[in-house]
C-alpha atoms as a PDB file:
ATOM      1  CA  MET A   1     -39.648  47.480 -42.241  1.00  0.00           C
ATOM      2  CA  LYS A   2     -40.545  44.353 -44.094  1.00  0.00           C
ATOM      3  CA  ILE A   3     -39.530  44.058 -47.636  1.00  0.00           C
ATOM      4  CA  GLY A   4     -41.218  41.336 -49.995  1.00  0.00           C
ATOM      5  CA  LEU A   5     -38.745  39.740 -52.708  1.00  0.00           C
ATOM      6  CA  LYS A   6     -39.719  37.384 -55.592  1.00  0.00           C
ATOM      7  CA  ALA A   7     -37.588  34.532 -56.588  1.00  0.00           C
ATOM      8  CA  GLY A   8     -34.755  36.017 -58.402  1.00  0.00           C
ATOM      9  CA  GLU A   9     -35.286  39.657 -57.376  1.00  0.00           C
ATOM     10  CA  ARG A  10     -32.036  41.781 -56.138  1.00  0.00           C
ATOM     11  CA  LEU A  11     -32.135  44.113 -53.331  1.00  0.00           C
ATOM     12  CA  PHE A  12     -29.268  46.693 -52.682  1.00  0.00           C
ATOM     13  CA  ILE A  13     -28.462  47.452 -48.876  1.00  0.00           C
ATOM     14  CA  ASN A  14     -25.664  49.535 -48.037  1.00  0.00           C
ATOM     15  CA  GLY A  15     -23.854  48.741 -51.084  1.00  0.00           C
ATOM     16  CA  ALA A  16     -24.336  45.062 -50.565  1.00  0.00           C
ATOM     17  CA  VAL A  17     -26.450  43.094 -53.418  1.00  0.00           C
ATOM     18  CA  ILE A  18     -28.777  40.597 -52.184  1.00  0.00           C
ATOM     19  CA  ARG A  19     -30.584  37.971 -54.178  1.00  0.00           C
ATOM     20  CA  ALA A  20     -33.642  35.887 -53.067  1.00  0.00           C
ATOM     21  CA  ASP A  21     -33.559  32.363 -54.890  1.00  0.00           C
ATOM     22  CA  LYS A  22     -37.374  31.962 -53.708  1.00  0.00           C
ATOM     23  CA  LYS A  23     -40.144  34.412 -52.866  1.00  0.00           C
ATOM     24  CA  THR A  24     -39.139  35.457 -49.167  1.00  0.00           C
ATOM     25  CA  ASN A  25     -39.671  38.382 -46.897  1.00  0.00           C
ATOM     26  CA  ILE A  26     -37.119  40.441 -45.354  1.00  0.00           C
ATOM     27  CA  GLU A  27     -37.418  42.699 -42.166  1.00  0.00           C
ATOM     28  CA  LEU A  28     -34.816  45.338 -41.607  1.00  0.00           C
ATOM     29  CA  MET A  29     -34.518  45.951 -37.991  1.00  0.00           C
ATOM     30  CA  ASN A  30     -32.610  49.175 -38.100  1.00  0.00           C
ATOM     31  CA  ASP A  31     -31.987  52.045 -40.414  1.00  0.00           C
ATOM     32  CA  ALA A  32     -30.507  51.002 -43.752  1.00  0.00           C
ATOM     33  CA  VAL A  33     -30.047  52.667 -47.320  1.00  0.00           C
ATOM     34  CA  PHE A  34     -31.657  50.151 -49.536  1.00  0.00           C
ATOM     35  CA  LEU A  35     -32.845  49.997 -53.217  1.00  0.00           C
ATOM     36  CA  LEU A  36     -35.246  47.393 -54.918  1.00  0.00           C
ATOM     37  CA  GLU A  37     -34.019  46.053 -58.202  1.00  0.00           C
ATOM     38  CA  ALA A  38     -37.341  47.364 -59.665  1.00  0.00           C
ATOM     39  CA  HIS A  39     -35.990  50.943 -58.896  1.00  0.00           C
ATOM     40  CA  VAL A  40     -32.779  50.464 -60.584  1.00  0.00           C
ATOM     41  CA  LEU A  41     -32.102  52.585 -63.957  1.00  0.00           C
ATOM     42  CA  GLN A  42     -29.723  50.936 -66.257  1.00  0.00           C
ATOM     43  CA  PRO A  43     -27.056  53.131 -67.650  1.00  0.00           C
ATOM     44  CA  GLU A  44     -28.762  52.858 -71.265  1.00  0.00           C
ATOM     45  CA  ASP A  45     -31.839  54.349 -69.952  1.00  0.00           C
ATOM     46  CA  ALA A  46     -30.486  57.415 -68.487  1.00  0.00           C
ATOM     47  CA  THR A  47     -31.477  59.198 -71.625  1.00  0.00           C
ATOM     48  CA  THR A  48     -33.000  62.535 -70.508  1.00  0.00           C
ATOM     49  CA  PRO A  49     -31.718  64.976 -68.018  1.00  0.00           C
ATOM     50  CA  LEU A  50     -33.784  63.796 -64.933  1.00  0.00           C
ATOM     51  CA  ARG A  51     -33.107  60.232 -65.770  1.00  0.00           C
ATOM     52  CA  GLN A  52     -29.516  61.223 -65.574  1.00  0.00           C
ATOM     53  CA  LEU A  53     -29.821  62.716 -62.379  1.00  0.00           C
ATOM     54  CA  TYR A  54     -31.746  59.713 -60.943  1.00  0.00           C
ATOM     55  CA  PHE A  55     -29.166  57.499 -62.134  1.00  0.00           C
ATOM     56  CA  ILE A  56     -26.362  59.450 -60.211  1.00  0.00           C
ATOM     57  CA  LEU A  57     -28.573  59.348 -56.849  1.00  0.00           C
ATOM     58  CA  GLN A  58     -28.907  55.620 -57.282  1.00  0.00           C
ATOM     59  CA  THR A  59     -25.233  55.237 -57.725  1.00  0.00           C
ATOM     60  CA  MET A  60     -24.589  56.686 -54.212  1.00  0.00           C
ATOM     61  CA  ILE A  61     -27.120  54.384 -52.816  1.00  0.00           C
ATOM     62  CA  ILE A  62     -25.784  51.035 -54.599  1.00  0.00           C
ATOM     63  CA  ASP A  63     -21.774  52.185 -54.020  1.00  0.00           C
ATOM     64  CA  PRO A  64     -21.766  54.042 -50.777  1.00  0.00           C
ATOM     65  CA  VAL A  65     -17.855  54.065 -50.800  1.00  0.00           C
ATOM     66  CA  SER A  66     -17.863  56.173 -53.619  1.00  0.00           C
ATOM     67  CA  ALA A  67     -20.737  58.393 -52.778  1.00  0.00           C
ATOM     68  CA  PRO A  68     -18.591  61.423 -51.629  1.00  0.00           C
ATOM     69  CA  ALA A  69     -16.929  61.519 -55.218  1.00  0.00           C
ATOM     70  CA  VAL A  70     -20.195  60.836 -56.948  1.00  0.00           C
ATOM     71  CA  GLN A  71     -21.695  63.719 -54.811  1.00  0.00           C
ATOM     72  CA  ASP A  72     -19.505  66.231 -56.548  1.00  0.00           C
ATOM     73  CA  MET A  73     -20.824  64.883 -59.965  1.00  0.00           C
ATOM     74  CA  PHE A  74     -24.317  64.985 -58.643  1.00  0.00           C
ATOM     75  CA  HIS A  75     -24.103  68.698 -58.149  1.00  0.00           C
ATOM     76  CA  LEU A  76     -22.439  69.311 -61.285  1.00  0.00           C
ATOM     77  CA  VAL A  77     -25.214  67.494 -63.262  1.00  0.00           C
ATOM     78  CA  LEU A  78     -27.861  69.103 -61.196  1.00  0.00           C
ATOM     79  CA  GLY A  79     -26.645  72.413 -62.144  1.00  0.00           C
ATOM     80  CA  SER A  80     -26.740  71.493 -65.669  1.00  0.00           C
ATOM     81  CA  VAL A  81     -30.251  69.928 -65.320  1.00  0.00           C
ATOM     82  CA  LYS A  82     -31.703  73.142 -63.831  1.00  0.00           C
ATOM     83  CA  SER A  83     -30.277  75.031 -66.453  1.00  0.00           C
ATOM     84  CA  ALA A  84     -32.124  72.904 -69.076  1.00  0.00           C
ATOM     85  CA  PHE A  85     -35.708  73.715 -67.452  1.00  0.00           C
ATOM     86  CA  SER A  86     -37.697  76.762 -67.184  1.00  0.00           C
ATOM     87  CA  THR A  87     -40.676  75.306 -65.747  1.00  0.00           C
ATOM     88  CA  ARG A  88     -41.164  76.552 -62.111  1.00  0.00           C
ATOM     89  CA  GLU A  89     -42.443  73.086 -60.807  1.00  0.00           C
ATOM     90  CA  ILE A  90     -39.639  71.093 -62.148  1.00  0.00           C
ATOM     91  CA  LEU A  91     -37.162  73.790 -60.789  1.00  0.00           C
ATOM     92  CA  VAL A  92     -38.737  74.012 -57.210  1.00  0.00           C
ATOM     93  CA  ARG A  93     -38.733  69.928 -57.032  1.00  0.00           C
ATOM     94  CA  LEU A  94     -35.232  70.167 -58.094  1.00  0.00           C
ATOM     95  CA  ASP A  95     -34.215  72.538 -54.970  1.00  0.00           C
ATOM     96  CA  GLU A  96     -35.688  69.897 -52.946  1.00  0.00           C
ATOM     97  CA  VAL A  97     -33.767  67.393 -54.556  1.00  0.00           C
ATOM     98  CA  ASP A  98     -30.867  69.444 -53.585  1.00  0.00           C
ATOM     99  CA  GLU A  99     -31.593  69.775 -50.113  1.00  0.00           C
ATOM    100  CA  LEU A 100     -32.375  66.131 -49.957  1.00  0.00           C
ATOM    101  CA  ALA A 101     -29.136  64.995 -51.358  1.00  0.00           C
ATOM    102  CA  LYS A 102     -27.190  67.557 -49.136  1.00  0.00           C
ATOM    103  CA  ALA A 103     -28.762  65.553 -46.126  1.00  0.00           C
ATOM    104  CA  GLU A 104     -27.889  62.350 -47.804  1.00  0.00           C
ATOM    105  CA  ARG A 105     -31.549  61.260 -48.108  1.00  0.00           C
ATOM    106  CA  TRP A 106     -30.616  59.930 -51.863  1.00  0.00           C
ATOM    107  CA  PHE A 107     -33.974  57.393 -51.750  1.00  0.00           C
ATOM    108  CA  GLU A 108     -36.324  60.330 -50.814  1.00  0.00           C
ATOM    109  CA  ALA A 109     -34.501  62.532 -53.483  1.00  0.00           C
ATOM    110  CA  MET A 110     -34.695  59.853 -56.367  1.00  0.00           C
ATOM    111  CA  LYS A 111     -38.650  59.563 -55.277  1.00  0.00           C
ATOM    112  CA  VAL A 112     -38.882  63.000 -56.229  1.00  0.00           C
ATOM    113  CA  VAL A 113     -36.901  62.953 -59.321  1.00  0.00           C
ATOM    114  CA  ARG A 114     -38.971  60.081 -60.514  1.00  0.00           C
ATOM    115  CA  ALA A 115     -42.214  61.635 -59.848  1.00  0.00           C
ATOM    116  CA  LEU A 116     -41.229  64.277 -62.256  1.00  0.00           C
ATOM    117  CA  TYR A 117     -40.733  61.942 -65.180  1.00  0.00           C
ATOM    118  CA  PRO A 118     -44.197  62.538 -66.445  1.00  0.00           C
ATOM    119  CA  ILE A 119     -43.622  66.225 -66.521  1.00  0.00           C
ATOM    120  CA  GLU A 120     -40.676  65.968 -68.295  1.00  0.00           C
ATOM    121  CA  ALA A 121     -41.965  63.491 -70.652  1.00  0.00           C
ATOM    122  CA  ASN A 122     -44.850  65.918 -71.695  1.00  0.00           C
ATOM    123  CA  LEU A 123     -42.586  68.826 -72.213  1.00  0.00           C
ATOM    124  CA  MET A 124     -40.419  66.654 -74.476  1.00  0.00           C
ATOM    125  CA  MET A 125     -43.314  65.861 -76.546  1.00  0.00           C
ATOM    126  CA  SER A 126     -44.647  69.277 -76.647  1.00  0.00           C
ATOM    127  CA  GLU A 127     -41.156  70.455 -77.711  1.00  0.00           C
ATOM    128  CA  LYS A 128     -41.184  67.666 -80.568  1.00  0.00           C
ATOM    129  CA  SER A 129     -44.682  68.314 -81.660  1.00  0.00           C
ATOM    130  CA  GLN A 130     -44.078  72.121 -81.754  1.00  0.00           C
ATOM    131  CA  ALA A 131     -40.815  71.223 -83.784  1.00  0.00           C
ATOM    132  CA  GLY A 132     -42.767  69.377 -86.228  1.00  0.00           C
ATOM    133  CA  GLN A 133     -45.589  72.020 -86.434  1.00  0.00           C
ATOM    134  CA  SER A 134     -42.779  74.322 -87.256  1.00  0.00           C
ATOM    135  CA  ASN A 135     -41.368  72.270 -89.766  1.00  0.00           C
ATOM    136  CA  ARG A 136     -44.705  71.683 -91.468  1.00  0.00           C
ATOM    137  CA  ASN A 137     -45.509  75.294 -91.438  1.00  0.00           C
ATOM    138  CA  GLY A 138     -41.960  76.267 -93.529  1.00  0.00           C
ATOM    139  CA  GLN A 139     -42.211  73.247 -95.825  1.00  0.00           C
ATOM    140  CA  GLY A 140     -45.103  74.670 -98.210  1.00  0.00           C
ATOM    141  CA  GLY A 141     -43.226  77.421 -99.650  1.00  0.00           C
ATOM    142  CA  ASN A 142     -46.486  79.579 -98.989  1.00  0.00           C
ATOM    143  CA  ALA A 143     -45.208  80.392 -95.380  1.00  0.00           C
ATOM    144  CA  SER A 144     -45.728  83.890 -94.998  1.00  0.00           C
ATOM    145  CA  ALA A 145     -43.808  86.297 -92.942  1.00  0.00           C
ATOM    146  CA  SER A 146     -46.771  86.763 -90.645  1.00  0.00           C
ATOM    147  CA  ALA A 147     -46.810  82.795 -89.911  1.00  0.00           C
ATOM    148  CA  PRO A 148     -47.540  81.886 -86.250  1.00  0.00           C
ATOM    149  CA  ARG A 149     -44.360  81.389 -84.106  1.00  0.00           C
ATOM    150  CA  PRO A 150     -44.252  78.241 -82.023  1.00  0.00           C
ATOM    151  CA  ALA A 151     -45.018  78.702 -78.136  1.00  0.00           C
ATOM    152  CA  PRO A 152     -41.976  79.471 -76.218  1.00  0.00           C
ATOM    153  CA  SER A 153     -40.103  76.678 -75.130  1.00  0.00           C
ATOM    154  CA  ARG A 154     -40.237  75.354 -71.458  1.00  0.00           C
ATOM    155  CA  PHE A 155     -36.561  73.962 -71.730  1.00  0.00           C
ATOM    156  CA  HIS A 156     -33.709  76.521 -72.227  1.00  0.00           C
ATOM    157  CA  ASN A 157     -32.035  75.748 -75.677  1.00  0.00           C
ATOM    158  CA  GLY A 158     -34.548  72.630 -76.000  1.00  0.00           C
ATOM    159  CA  PRO A 159     -34.294  69.425 -73.898  1.00  0.00           C
ATOM    160  CA  GLN A 160     -30.651  68.297 -73.550  1.00  0.00           C
ATOM    161  CA  LEU A 161     -28.644  65.652 -71.607  1.00  0.00           C
ATOM    162  CA  ALA A 162     -26.677  67.010 -68.740  1.00  0.00           C
ATOM    163  CA  VAL A 163     -22.861  66.941 -69.812  1.00  0.00           C
ATOM    164  CA  VAL A 164     -20.582  65.165 -67.198  1.00  0.00           C
END
């Protein structure tokens, strides 16, 4: 597999950090677990349930020595994330993530999680707009008992961060 790196870009391979001082190509001649810097999520950006899950998966790639301990945290957070969603598509894909993680195919699991970001964002925007609509309906003082109720949430108890 050939990997192209820009000047200053980092690559994480089996726990080692490699930085290119100039534009270069690297060819991996055997199987290795690697992560491009562009795919690394910073801790402060793990602000949603799926991003937290992604962050834990990336930690297992970046620091394979601690992967066994982090796997326990992954399964705990995965259960919490699953309980935060009721959308079937997300739940099915999270089951796939679980199977990939059990097989230590963390990068593939990360790709599945990353593909779910737009769905999560749409759900969160929907929740936010429904909450705003509900607030506007109740603020006028003329809200009747028969005012329409917001659509049911696709999150259980609203979108939440997984508790670790």
